[in-house]
């Protein structure tokens, strides 16, 4: 097991290096100029803009800029934003709590709803319950989040006036009243994400359960006289969760990057909104940092998924 983990880590290093090179090259060669916003300011002359460009290292060849960025990143320095002149790590840390609160809560609720609903739907296949849940799931992942977000705003904010449609980024939780206000402004973006994510995950769990229910080992377990609860819990569910673990492991890193569309609709000041704004402004250090951290999280959680395979199914052997 230890040797397997070491081998996987050695494989991950060149993978991450290749990802960083490709992303850095795309961002460096993409159209747009980080100094474009200074061009519209008559008080900033061409000479001043050139001095700023030189101070940011934009006058150097791309390979030198990449090596400097990589060495700084390995030392924990993600650079400075071209636009705000603030350290990139500070910008990310400022947005991270909001993203974890909204997107993290949404994914947790989606998993808590999807897994039991998917299991029950598979066990009660073709019943009224299965048809209702399946229909809701189809509706959930068929509607894009920008549509459900606007629909929620029209119904619950404009018509019913239950929830605010703009996320108040200045709100600080200091007492019970401010906590209630925080929950109220988070309900709509969270529910939009829950509706979509739970639908996708529930259908996946249901399909995985149905695939396992007709296997020979299930018929053997039933022929031995085991109770239905034991058959489902110890045999079917345990094997059905193996592909689900892969899906969840690949989805968890998306919590870090936030929900791009939903954050834009509700003006949630999360990392997703920061990423979109940085792309539009050509703020390469911010985009590069968020993208590369996301790639690192993907590699880490893929490794976590491989470890969980062995826990769920003892037959899984780790080759050296």
C-alpha atoms as a PDB file:
ATOM      1  CA  UNK A   1       0.000   0.000   0.000  1.00  0.00           C
ATOM      2  CA  UNK A   2       2.751   2.475   0.954  1.00  0.00           C
ATOM      3  CA  UNK A   3       4.737   1.608  -2.130  1.00  0.00           C
ATOM      4  CA  UNK A   4       1.638   2.079  -4.275  1.00  0.00           C
ATOM      5  CA  UNK A   5       1.054   5.556  -2.808  1.00  0.00           C
ATOM      6  CA  UNK A   6       4.681   6.539  -3.431  1.00  0.00           C
ATOM      7  CA  UNK A   7       4.446   5.387  -7.060  1.00  0.00           C
ATOM      8  CA  UNK A   8       1.241   7.344  -7.549  1.00  0.00           C
ATOM      9  CA  UNK A   9       2.835  10.469  -6.121  1.00  0.00           C
ATOM     10  CA  UNK A  10       5.804  10.133  -8.478  1.00  0.00           C
ATOM     11  CA  UNK A  11       3.378   9.794 -11.402  1.00  0.00           C
ATOM     12  CA  UNK A  12       1.401  12.821 -10.224  1.00  0.00           C
ATOM     13  CA  UNK A  13       4.412  15.163 -10.281  1.00  0.00           C
ATOM     14  CA  UNK A  14       5.019  15.101 -14.083  1.00  0.00           C
ATOM     15  CA  UNK A  15       1.250  15.188 -14.617  1.00  0.00           C
ATOM     16  CA  UNK A  16       0.929  18.407 -12.625  1.00  0.00           C
ATOM     17  CA  UNK A  17       3.977  19.883 -14.341  1.00  0.00           C
ATOM     18  CA  UNK A  18       2.450  19.187 -17.751  1.00  0.00           C
ATOM     19  CA  UNK A  19      -0.848  20.748 -16.660  1.00  0.00           C
ATOM     20  CA  UNK A  20       0.901  23.856 -15.350  1.00  0.00           C
ATOM     21  CA  UNK A  21       2.883  24.280 -18.579  1.00  0.00           C
ATOM     22  CA  UNK A  22      -0.211  23.951 -20.767  1.00  0.00           C
ATOM     23  CA  UNK A  23      -2.341  26.307 -18.665  1.00  0.00           C
ATOM     24  CA  UNK A  24       0.442  28.884 -18.347  1.00  0.00           C
ATOM     25  CA  UNK A  25       1.078  28.824 -22.100  1.00  0.00           C
ATOM     26  CA  UNK A  26      -2.638  29.213 -22.903  1.00  0.00           C
ATOM     27  CA  UNK A  27      -3.001  32.161 -20.543  1.00  0.00           C
ATOM     28  CA  UNK A  28       0.199  33.806 -21.794  1.00  0.00           C
ATOM     29  CA  UNK A  29      -0.726  33.421 -25.478  1.00  0.00           C
ATOM     30  CA  UNK A  30      -4.410  34.256 -25.071  1.00  0.00           C
ATOM     31  CA  UNK A  31      -5.612  37.550 -26.609  1.00  0.00           C
ATOM     32  CA  UNK A  32      -5.901  40.461 -24.237  1.00  0.00           C
ATOM     33  CA  UNK A  33      -3.523  42.699 -22.366  1.00  0.00           C
ATOM     34  CA  UNK A  34      -3.439  43.093 -18.564  1.00  0.00           C
ATOM     35  CA  UNK A  35      -2.347  46.692 -19.163  1.00  0.00           C
ATOM     36  CA  UNK A  36      -5.377  47.466 -21.346  1.00  0.00           C
ATOM     37  CA  UNK A  37      -7.262  49.184 -18.527  1.00  0.00           C
ATOM     38  CA  UNK A  38      -4.375  51.637 -18.109  1.00  0.00           C
ATOM     39  CA  UNK A  39      -4.554  52.551 -21.785  1.00  0.00           C
ATOM     40  CA  UNK A  40      -7.931  54.233 -21.240  1.00  0.00           C
ATOM     41  CA  UNK A  41      -6.503  56.428 -18.492  1.00  0.00           C
ATOM     42  CA  UNK A  42      -4.980  59.574 -20.038  1.00  0.00           C
ATOM     43  CA  UNK A  43      -3.008  60.248 -16.867  1.00  0.00           C
ATOM     44  CA  UNK A  44      -0.938  57.101 -17.425  1.00  0.00           C
ATOM     45  CA  UNK A  45       1.483  57.591 -20.297  1.00  0.00           C
ATOM     46  CA  UNK A  46       2.911  54.877 -22.523  1.00  0.00           C
ATOM     47  CA  UNK A  47       6.210  55.141 -20.675  1.00  0.00           C
ATOM     48  CA  UNK A  48       4.514  54.558 -17.322  1.00  0.00           C
ATOM     49  CA  UNK A  49       2.623  51.573 -18.741  1.00  0.00           C
ATOM     50  CA  UNK A  50       5.880  50.118 -19.988  1.00  0.00           C
ATOM     51  CA  UNK A  51       7.473  50.557 -16.563  1.00  0.00           C
ATOM     52  CA  UNK A  52       4.512  48.782 -14.974  1.00  0.00           C
ATOM     53  CA  UNK A  53       4.786  45.983 -17.516  1.00  0.00           C
ATOM     54  CA  UNK A  54       8.483  45.631 -16.727  1.00  0.00           C
ATOM     55  CA  UNK A  55       7.847  45.592 -12.965  1.00  0.00           C
ATOM     56  CA  UNK A  56       5.336  42.763 -13.430  1.00  0.00           C
ATOM     57  CA  UNK A  57       7.807  40.775 -15.543  1.00  0.00           C
ATOM     58  CA  UNK A  58       5.581  40.858 -18.638  1.00  0.00           C
ATOM     59  CA  UNK A  59       8.495  41.964 -20.816  1.00  0.00           C
ATOM     60  CA  UNK A  60      10.349  38.669 -20.254  1.00  0.00           C
ATOM     61  CA  UNK A  61      10.101  35.535 -22.444  1.00  0.00           C
ATOM     62  CA  UNK A  62       7.317  33.141 -21.560  1.00  0.00           C
ATOM     63  CA  UNK A  63       9.628  30.319 -20.433  1.00  0.00           C
ATOM     64  CA  UNK A  64      11.435  32.589 -17.965  1.00  0.00           C
ATOM     65  CA  UNK A  65       8.104  33.814 -16.586  1.00  0.00           C
ATOM     66  CA  UNK A  66       6.937  30.211 -16.195  1.00  0.00           C
ATOM     67  CA  UNK A  67      10.068  29.108 -14.330  1.00  0.00           C
ATOM     68  CA  UNK A  68       9.818  32.092 -11.997  1.00  0.00           C
ATOM     69  CA  UNK A  69       6.133  31.419 -11.376  1.00  0.00           C
ATOM     70  CA  UNK A  70       6.717  27.706 -10.687  1.00  0.00           C
ATOM     71  CA  UNK A  71       9.588  28.370  -8.282  1.00  0.00           C
ATOM     72  CA  UNK A  72       7.543  30.978  -6.429  1.00  0.00           C
ATOM     73  CA  UNK A  73       4.505  28.658  -6.261  1.00  0.00           C
ATOM     74  CA  UNK A  74       6.608  25.867  -4.778  1.00  0.00           C
ATOM     75  CA  UNK A  75       7.658  28.303  -2.067  1.00  0.00           C
ATOM     76  CA  UNK A  76       4.025  29.196  -1.358  1.00  0.00           C
ATOM     77  CA  UNK A  77       4.122  32.495  -3.225  1.00  0.00           C
ATOM     78  CA  UNK A  78       1.314  32.760  -5.797  1.00  0.00           C
ATOM     79  CA  UNK A  79       2.327  36.231  -6.915  1.00  0.00           C
ATOM     80  CA  UNK A  80       0.364  39.465  -7.030  1.00  0.00           C
ATOM     81  CA  UNK A  81      -2.801  40.283  -8.899  1.00  0.00           C
ATOM     82  CA  UNK A  82      -2.250  42.482 -11.949  1.00  0.00           C
ATOM     83  CA  UNK A  83      -5.394  44.468 -11.181  1.00  0.00           C
ATOM     84  CA  UNK A  84      -5.688  44.818  -7.411  1.00  0.00           C
ATOM     85  CA  UNK A  85      -1.933  44.541  -6.714  1.00  0.00           C
ATOM     86  CA  UNK A  86      -2.882  42.316  -3.778  1.00  0.00           C
ATOM     87  CA  UNK A  87      -1.260  38.936  -3.059  1.00  0.00           C
ATOM     88  CA  UNK A  88      -3.166  36.219  -4.898  1.00  0.00           C
ATOM     89  CA  UNK A  89      -3.260  33.992  -1.825  1.00  0.00           C
ATOM     90  CA  UNK A  90      -5.050  36.760   0.094  1.00  0.00           C
ATOM     91  CA  UNK A  91      -7.659  37.139  -2.638  1.00  0.00           C
ATOM     92  CA  UNK A  92      -8.328  33.396  -2.596  1.00  0.00           C
ATOM     93  CA  UNK A  93      -8.515  33.225   1.189  1.00  0.00           C
ATOM     94  CA  UNK A  94     -10.975  36.129   1.205  1.00  0.00           C
ATOM     95  CA  UNK A  95     -13.345  34.314  -1.168  1.00  0.00           C
ATOM     96  CA  UNK A  96     -12.840  30.761   0.107  1.00  0.00           C
ATOM     97  CA  UNK A  97     -15.152  30.918   3.191  1.00  0.00           C
ATOM     98  CA  UNK A  98     -18.082  32.103   1.059  1.00  0.00           C
ATOM     99  CA  UNK A  99     -17.479  29.404  -1.532  1.00  0.00           C
ATOM    100  CA  UNK A 100     -17.227  26.671   1.084  1.00  0.00           C
ATOM    101  CA  UNK A 101     -20.356  27.942   2.818  1.00  0.00           C
ATOM    102  CA  UNK A 102     -22.532  28.094  -0.319  1.00  0.00           C
ATOM    103  CA  UNK A 103     -21.103  25.436  -2.635  1.00  0.00           C
ATOM    104  CA  UNK A 104     -19.911  23.121   0.145  1.00  0.00           C
ATOM    105  CA  UNK A 105     -23.298  23.190   1.880  1.00  0.00           C
ATOM    106  CA  UNK A 106     -25.049  22.574  -1.419  1.00  0.00           C
ATOM    107  CA  UNK A 107     -22.915  19.552  -2.262  1.00  0.00           C
ATOM    108  CA  UNK A 108     -23.300  18.082   1.221  1.00  0.00           C
ATOM    109  CA  UNK A 109     -27.090  18.426   1.076  1.00  0.00           C
ATOM    110  CA  UNK A 110     -27.139  16.995  -2.452  1.00  0.00           C
ATOM    111  CA  UNK A 111     -25.183  13.908  -1.353  1.00  0.00           C
ATOM    112  CA  UNK A 112     -27.386  13.404   1.719  1.00  0.00           C
ATOM    113  CA  UNK A 113     -30.482  13.522  -0.501  1.00  0.00           C
ATOM    114  CA  UNK A 114     -29.195  11.694  -3.557  1.00  0.00           C
ATOM    115  CA  UNK A 115     -27.724   8.549  -1.987  1.00  0.00           C
ATOM    116  CA  UNK A 116     -30.806   7.413   0.008  1.00  0.00           C
ATOM    117  CA  UNK A 117     -33.209   8.478  -2.757  1.00  0.00           C
ATOM    118  CA  UNK A 118     -31.144   6.626  -5.369  1.00  0.00           C
ATOM    119  CA  UNK A 119     -30.999   3.483  -3.227  1.00  0.00           C
ATOM    120  CA  UNK A 120     -34.736   3.498  -2.419  1.00  0.00           C
ATOM    121  CA  UNK A 121     -35.610   4.288  -6.034  1.00  0.00           C
ATOM    122  CA  UNK A 122     -33.609   1.274  -7.226  1.00  0.00           C
ATOM    123  CA  UNK A 123     -35.125  -1.036  -4.602  1.00  0.00           C
ATOM    124  CA  UNK A 124     -38.648   0.157  -5.497  1.00  0.00           C
ATOM    125  CA  UNK A 125     -38.087   0.121  -9.226  1.00  0.00           C
ATOM    126  CA  UNK A 126     -41.102   1.034 -11.412  1.00  0.00           C
ATOM    127  CA  UNK A 127     -43.234   1.960  -8.403  1.00  0.00           C
ATOM    128  CA  UNK A 128     -44.962   5.318  -7.998  1.00  0.00           C
ATOM    129  CA  UNK A 129     -42.131   6.509  -5.731  1.00  0.00           C
ATOM    130  CA  UNK A 130     -39.528   5.563  -8.332  1.00  0.00           C
ATOM    131  CA  UNK A 131     -41.418   7.346 -11.108  1.00  0.00           C
ATOM    132  CA  UNK A 132     -41.815  10.541  -9.061  1.00  0.00           C
ATOM    133  CA  UNK A 133     -38.165  10.644  -7.971  1.00  0.00           C
ATOM    134  CA  UNK A 134     -36.920   9.792 -11.468  1.00  0.00           C
ATOM    135  CA  UNK A 135     -39.076  12.515 -13.025  1.00  0.00           C
ATOM    136  CA  UNK A 136     -37.813  15.090 -10.538  1.00  0.00           C
ATOM    137  CA  UNK A 137     -34.241  13.988 -11.236  1.00  0.00           C
ATOM    138  CA  UNK A 138     -34.738  14.387 -14.995  1.00  0.00           C
ATOM    139  CA  UNK A 139     -36.141  17.861 -14.439  1.00  0.00           C
ATOM    140  CA  UNK A 140     -33.292  18.720 -12.071  1.00  0.00           C
ATOM    141  CA  UNK A 141     -30.393  17.952 -14.388  1.00  0.00           C
ATOM    142  CA  UNK A 142     -32.226  19.007 -17.573  1.00  0.00           C
ATOM    143  CA  UNK A 143     -32.699  22.595 -16.403  1.00  0.00           C
ATOM    144  CA  UNK A 144     -29.482  24.670 -16.501  1.00  0.00           C
ATOM    145  CA  UNK A 145     -28.560  26.455 -13.293  1.00  0.00           C
ATOM    146  CA  UNK A 146     -28.850  29.893 -14.883  1.00  0.00           C
ATOM    147  CA  UNK A 147     -32.501  29.160 -15.719  1.00  0.00           C
ATOM    148  CA  UNK A 148     -33.416  27.804 -12.282  1.00  0.00           C
ATOM    149  CA  UNK A 149     -31.518  30.665 -10.658  1.00  0.00           C
ATOM    150  CA  UNK A 150     -33.491  33.309 -12.562  1.00  0.00           C
ATOM    151  CA  UNK A 151     -36.708  31.370 -11.948  1.00  0.00           C
ATOM    152  CA  UNK A 152     -36.031  31.271  -8.198  1.00  0.00           C
ATOM    153  CA  UNK A 153     -35.354  35.014  -8.182  1.00  0.00           C
ATOM    154  CA  UNK A 154     -38.626  35.763  -9.971  1.00  0.00           C
ATOM    155  CA  UNK A 155     -40.709  33.512  -7.722  1.00  0.00           C
ATOM    156  CA  UNK A 156     -39.134  33.789  -4.286  1.00  0.00           C
ATOM    157  CA  UNK A 157     -37.622  37.292  -4.447  1.00  0.00           C
ATOM    158  CA  UNK A 158     -39.755  39.353  -6.803  1.00  0.00           C
ATOM    159  CA  UNK A 159     -43.171  37.740  -6.347  1.00  0.00           C
ATOM    160  CA  UNK A 160     -43.129  36.299  -2.821  1.00  0.00           C
ATOM    161  CA  UNK A 161     -40.355  38.519  -1.385  1.00  0.00           C
ATOM    162  CA  UNK A 162     -39.122  35.685   0.833  1.00  0.00           C
ATOM    163  CA  UNK A 163     -35.403  35.894   0.122  1.00  0.00           C
ATOM    164  CA  UNK A 164     -32.994  38.591  -1.106  1.00  0.00           C
ATOM    165  CA  UNK A 165     -31.876  38.042  -4.691  1.00  0.00           C
ATOM    166  CA  UNK A 166     -28.480  39.710  -4.232  1.00  0.00           C
ATOM    167  CA  UNK A 167     -25.919  38.173  -1.877  1.00  0.00           C
ATOM    168  CA  UNK A 168     -24.726  40.742   0.662  1.00  0.00           C
ATOM    169  CA  UNK A 169     -20.962  40.268   0.822  1.00  0.00           C
ATOM    170  CA  UNK A 170     -20.605  42.837   3.611  1.00  0.00           C
ATOM    171  CA  UNK A 171     -22.778  40.867   6.044  1.00  0.00           C
ATOM    172  CA  UNK A 172     -20.878  39.589   9.077  1.00  0.00           C
ATOM    173  CA  UNK A 173     -22.333  36.960  11.407  1.00  0.00           C
ATOM    174  CA  UNK A 174     -22.097  38.368  14.924  1.00  0.00           C
ATOM    175  CA  UNK A 175     -25.412  37.350  16.505  1.00  0.00           C
ATOM    176  CA  UNK A 176     -28.510  35.241  15.872  1.00  0.00           C
ATOM    177  CA  UNK A 177     -30.184  37.869  13.689  1.00  0.00           C
ATOM    178  CA  UNK A 178     -27.171  38.171  11.381  1.00  0.00           C
ATOM    179  CA  UNK A 179     -26.924  34.368  11.212  1.00  0.00           C
ATOM    180  CA  UNK A 180     -30.567  34.155  10.109  1.00  0.00           C
ATOM    181  CA  UNK A 181     -29.888  36.836   7.498  1.00  0.00           C
ATOM    182  CA  UNK A 182     -26.883  34.850   6.268  1.00  0.00           C
ATOM    183  CA  UNK A 183     -28.982  31.698   5.954  1.00  0.00           C
ATOM    184  CA  UNK A 184     -31.794  33.552   4.143  1.00  0.00           C
ATOM    185  CA  UNK A 185     -29.486  35.011   1.512  1.00  0.00           C
ATOM    186  CA  UNK A 186     -27.818  31.626   0.987  1.00  0.00           C
ATOM    187  CA  UNK A 187     -30.986  29.554   0.541  1.00  0.00           C
ATOM    188  CA  UNK A 188     -31.610  30.280  -3.146  1.00  0.00           C
ATOM    189  CA  UNK A 189     -28.066  29.758  -4.492  1.00  0.00           C
ATOM    190  CA  UNK A 190     -27.733  26.625  -2.344  1.00  0.00           C
ATOM    191  CA  UNK A 191     -31.048  25.182  -3.534  1.00  0.00           C
ATOM    192  CA  UNK A 192     -30.209  25.868  -7.187  1.00  0.00           C
ATOM    193  CA  UNK A 193     -27.008  23.859  -6.800  1.00  0.00           C
ATOM    194  CA  UNK A 194     -28.712  21.127  -4.751  1.00  0.00           C
ATOM    195  CA  UNK A 195     -31.410  20.655  -7.388  1.00  0.00           C
ATOM    196  CA  UNK A 196     -28.877  20.043 -10.135  1.00  0.00           C
ATOM    197  CA  UNK A 197     -26.213  18.119  -8.217  1.00  0.00           C
ATOM    198  CA  UNK A 198     -28.643  15.854  -6.349  1.00  0.00           C
ATOM    199  CA  UNK A 199     -30.394  14.959  -9.606  1.00  0.00           C
ATOM    200  CA  UNK A 200     -27.151  13.895 -11.280  1.00  0.00           C
ATOM    201  CA  UNK A 201     -25.876  11.963  -8.271  1.00  0.00           C
ATOM    202  CA  UNK A 202     -29.232  10.285  -7.580  1.00  0.00           C
ATOM    203  CA  UNK A 203     -29.508   8.937 -11.135  1.00  0.00           C
ATOM    204  CA  UNK A 204     -25.951   7.644 -10.899  1.00  0.00           C
ATOM    205  CA  UNK A 205     -26.602   5.901  -7.575  1.00  0.00           C
ATOM    206  CA  UNK A 206     -29.815   4.353  -8.909  1.00  0.00           C
ATOM    207  CA  UNK A 207     -28.125   3.039 -12.048  1.00  0.00           C
ATOM    208  CA  UNK A 208     -25.227   1.616 -10.033  1.00  0.00           C
ATOM    209  CA  UNK A 209     -27.631  -0.119  -7.631  1.00  0.00           C
ATOM    210  CA  UNK A 210     -29.656  -1.664 -10.465  1.00  0.00           C
ATOM    211  CA  UNK A 211     -26.473  -2.949 -12.068  1.00  0.00           C
ATOM    212  CA  UNK A 212     -25.510  -4.809  -8.890  1.00  0.00           C
ATOM    213  CA  UNK A 213     -28.956  -6.160  -7.966  1.00  0.00           C
ATOM    214  CA  UNK A 214     -28.975  -8.781 -10.729  1.00  0.00           C
ATOM    215  CA  UNK A 215     -25.471 -10.110 -10.091  1.00  0.00           C
ATOM    216  CA  UNK A 216     -24.871 -13.749  -9.158  1.00  0.00           C
ATOM    217  CA  UNK A 217     -23.479 -12.928  -5.712  1.00  0.00           C
ATOM    218  CA  UNK A 218     -26.760 -11.182  -4.819  1.00  0.00           C
ATOM    219  CA  UNK A 219     -28.825 -14.207  -5.809  1.00  0.00           C
ATOM    220  CA  UNK A 220     -26.456 -16.410  -3.824  1.00  0.00           C
ATOM    221  CA  UNK A 221     -26.816 -14.205  -0.755  1.00  0.00           C
ATOM    222  CA  UNK A 222     -30.603 -14.326  -1.011  1.00  0.00           C
ATOM    223  CA  UNK A 223     -30.504 -18.103  -1.534  1.00  0.00           C
ATOM    224  CA  UNK A 224     -28.603 -18.431   1.743  1.00  0.00           C
ATOM    225  CA  UNK A 225     -31.564 -16.893   3.507  1.00  0.00           C
ATOM    226  CA  UNK A 226     -29.969 -13.569   4.413  1.00  0.00           C
ATOM    227  CA  UNK A 227     -32.360 -10.811   5.315  1.00  0.00           C
ATOM    228  CA  UNK A 228     -33.052  -8.205   2.655  1.00  0.00           C
ATOM    229  CA  UNK A 229     -31.493  -5.448   4.791  1.00  0.00           C
ATOM    230  CA  UNK A 230     -28.251  -7.418   5.107  1.00  0.00           C
ATOM    231  CA  UNK A 231     -28.153  -8.190   1.388  1.00  0.00           C
ATOM    232  CA  UNK A 232     -28.684  -4.543   0.454  1.00  0.00           C
ATOM    233  CA  UNK A 233     -26.430  -3.000   3.087  1.00  0.00           C
ATOM    234  CA  UNK A 234     -23.482  -5.404   3.111  1.00  0.00           C
ATOM    235  CA  UNK A 235     -23.447  -6.595  -0.483  1.00  0.00           C
ATOM    236  CA  UNK A 236     -25.343  -4.490  -3.029  1.00  0.00           C
ATOM    237  CA  UNK A 237     -24.753  -1.016  -1.583  1.00  0.00           C
ATOM    238  CA  UNK A 238     -21.109  -1.610  -0.809  1.00  0.00           C
ATOM    239  CA  UNK A 239     -20.327  -2.626  -4.386  1.00  0.00           C
ATOM    240  CA  UNK A 240     -22.636  -0.018  -5.901  1.00  0.00           C
ATOM    241  CA  UNK A 241     -20.798   2.769  -4.099  1.00  0.00           C
ATOM    242  CA  UNK A 242     -17.485   2.005  -5.840  1.00  0.00           C
ATOM    243  CA  UNK A 243     -18.296   3.926  -9.069  1.00  0.00           C
ATOM    244  CA  UNK A 244     -20.124   6.560  -7.010  1.00  0.00           C
ATOM    245  CA  UNK A 245     -16.900   7.196  -5.065  1.00  0.00           C
ATOM    246  CA  UNK A 246     -15.189   8.113  -8.342  1.00  0.00           C
ATOM    247  CA  UNK A 247     -17.897  10.613  -9.210  1.00  0.00           C
ATOM    248  CA  UNK A 248     -17.854  12.185  -5.753  1.00  0.00           C
ATOM    249  CA  UNK A 249     -14.043  12.308  -5.643  1.00  0.00           C
ATOM    250  CA  UNK A 250     -13.967  14.207  -8.942  1.00  0.00           C
ATOM    251  CA  UNK A 251     -16.759  16.537  -7.818  1.00  0.00           C
ATOM    252  CA  UNK A 252     -15.343  17.547  -4.440  1.00  0.00           C
ATOM    253  CA  UNK A 253     -12.524  19.676  -5.955  1.00  0.00           C
ATOM    254  CA  UNK A 254     -15.182  21.696  -7.800  1.00  0.00           C
ATOM    255  CA  UNK A 255     -16.292  22.952  -4.391  1.00  0.00           C
ATOM    256  CA  UNK A 256     -13.024  24.912  -4.269  1.00  0.00           C
ATOM    257  CA  UNK A 257     -13.538  26.594  -7.651  1.00  0.00           C
ATOM    258  CA  UNK A 258     -17.109  27.497  -6.777  1.00  0.00           C
ATOM    259  CA  UNK A 259     -20.207  27.561  -8.951  1.00  0.00           C
ATOM    260  CA  UNK A 260     -19.377  29.916 -11.807  1.00  0.00           C
ATOM    261  CA  UNK A 261     -22.884  30.496 -13.175  1.00  0.00           C
ATOM    262  CA  UNK A 262     -24.738  30.485  -9.861  1.00  0.00           C
ATOM    263  CA  UNK A 263     -22.286  32.883  -8.246  1.00  0.00           C
ATOM    264  CA  UNK A 264     -22.703  35.280 -11.160  1.00  0.00           C
ATOM    265  CA  UNK A 265     -26.515  35.170 -11.000  1.00  0.00           C
ATOM    266  CA  UNK A 266     -26.795  35.778  -7.259  1.00  0.00           C
ATOM    267  CA  UNK A 267     -23.653  37.949  -7.030  1.00  0.00           C
ATOM    268  CA  UNK A 268     -22.066  35.554  -4.565  1.00  0.00           C
ATOM    269  CA  UNK A 269     -18.490  36.770  -3.941  1.00  0.00           C
ATOM    270  CA  UNK A 270     -16.922  33.322  -4.177  1.00  0.00           C
ATOM    271  CA  UNK A 271     -13.895  31.934  -5.940  1.00  0.00           C
ATOM    272  CA  UNK A 272     -15.956  31.197  -9.056  1.00  0.00           C
ATOM    273  CA  UNK A 273     -16.840  34.875  -9.396  1.00  0.00           C
ATOM    274  CA  UNK A 274     -13.186  35.775  -8.781  1.00  0.00           C
ATOM    275  CA  UNK A 275     -12.088  33.372 -11.515  1.00  0.00           C
ATOM    276  CA  UNK A 276     -14.559  34.742 -14.084  1.00  0.00           C
ATOM    277  CA  UNK A 277     -13.639  38.345 -13.288  1.00  0.00           C
ATOM    278  CA  UNK A 278      -9.917  37.540 -13.488  1.00  0.00           C
ATOM    279  CA  UNK A 279     -10.346  35.867 -16.884  1.00  0.00           C
ATOM    280  CA  UNK A 280     -12.145  38.919 -18.274  1.00  0.00           C
ATOM    281  CA  UNK A 281      -9.467  41.240 -16.912  1.00  0.00           C
ATOM    282  CA  UNK A 282      -6.557  39.068 -18.057  1.00  0.00           C
ATOM    283  CA  UNK A 283      -5.345  38.686 -14.475  1.00  0.00           C
ATOM    284  CA  UNK A 284      -3.050  35.749 -15.193  1.00  0.00           C
ATOM    285  CA  UNK A 285      -1.627  35.165 -11.664  1.00  0.00           C
ATOM    286  CA  UNK A 286      -5.115  34.738 -10.164  1.00  0.00           C
ATOM    287  CA  UNK A 287      -6.372  32.485 -12.960  1.00  0.00           C
ATOM    288  CA  UNK A 288      -3.205  30.412 -12.885  1.00  0.00           C
ATOM    289  CA  UNK A 289      -3.313  29.948  -9.107  1.00  0.00           C
ATOM    290  CA  UNK A 290      -6.974  28.881  -8.998  1.00  0.00           C
ATOM    291  CA  UNK A 291      -6.603  26.553 -11.979  1.00  0.00           C
ATOM    292  CA  UNK A 292      -3.457  24.874 -10.707  1.00  0.00           C
ATOM    293  CA  UNK A 293      -4.824  24.410  -7.174  1.00  0.00           C
ATOM    294  CA  UNK A 294      -7.876  22.787  -8.757  1.00  0.00           C
ATOM    295  CA  UNK A 295      -5.600  20.415 -10.708  1.00  0.00           C
ATOM    296  CA  UNK A 296      -3.751  19.513  -7.497  1.00  0.00           C
ATOM    297  CA  UNK A 297      -7.052  18.768  -5.750  1.00  0.00           C
ATOM    298  CA  UNK A 298      -8.143  16.536  -8.649  1.00  0.00           C
ATOM    299  CA  UNK A 299      -4.954  14.478  -8.342  1.00  0.00           C
ATOM    300  CA  UNK A 300      -5.272  14.234  -4.553  1.00  0.00           C
ATOM    301  CA  UNK A 301      -8.905  13.150  -4.560  1.00  0.00           C
ATOM    302  CA  UNK A 302      -8.265  10.635  -7.331  1.00  0.00           C
ATOM    303  CA  UNK A 303      -5.735   9.074  -4.994  1.00  0.00           C
ATOM    304  CA  UNK A 304      -8.273   9.187  -2.151  1.00  0.00           C
ATOM    305  CA  UNK A 305     -10.797   7.422  -4.390  1.00  0.00           C
ATOM    306  CA  UNK A 306      -8.301   4.651  -5.149  1.00  0.00           C
ATOM    307  CA  UNK A 307      -7.751   4.122  -1.417  1.00  0.00           C
ATOM    308  CA  UNK A 308     -11.490   4.000  -0.767  1.00  0.00           C
ATOM    309  CA  UNK A 309     -11.857   1.294  -3.447  1.00  0.00           C
ATOM    310  CA  UNK A 310      -9.815  -1.032  -1.289  1.00  0.00           C
ATOM    311  CA  UNK A 311     -11.905  -0.199   1.784  1.00  0.00           C
ATOM    312  CA  UNK A 312     -15.216  -0.814   0.011  1.00  0.00           C
ATOM    313  CA  UNK A 313     -14.031  -3.913  -1.847  1.00  0.00           C
ATOM    314  CA  UNK A 314     -11.258  -5.993  -0.212  1.00  0.00           C
ATOM    315  CA  UNK A 315     -10.743  -7.777  -3.538  1.00  0.00           C
ATOM    316  CA  UNK A 316      -9.092  -4.659  -4.935  1.00  0.00           C
ATOM    317  CA  UNK A 317      -5.343  -5.210  -4.935  1.00  0.00           C
ATOM    318  CA  UNK A 318      -2.814  -2.393  -5.205  1.00  0.00           C
ATOM    319  CA  UNK A 319      -0.089  -3.305  -7.679  1.00  0.00           C
ATOM    320  CA  UNK A 320       3.415  -2.010  -7.120  1.00  0.00           C
END
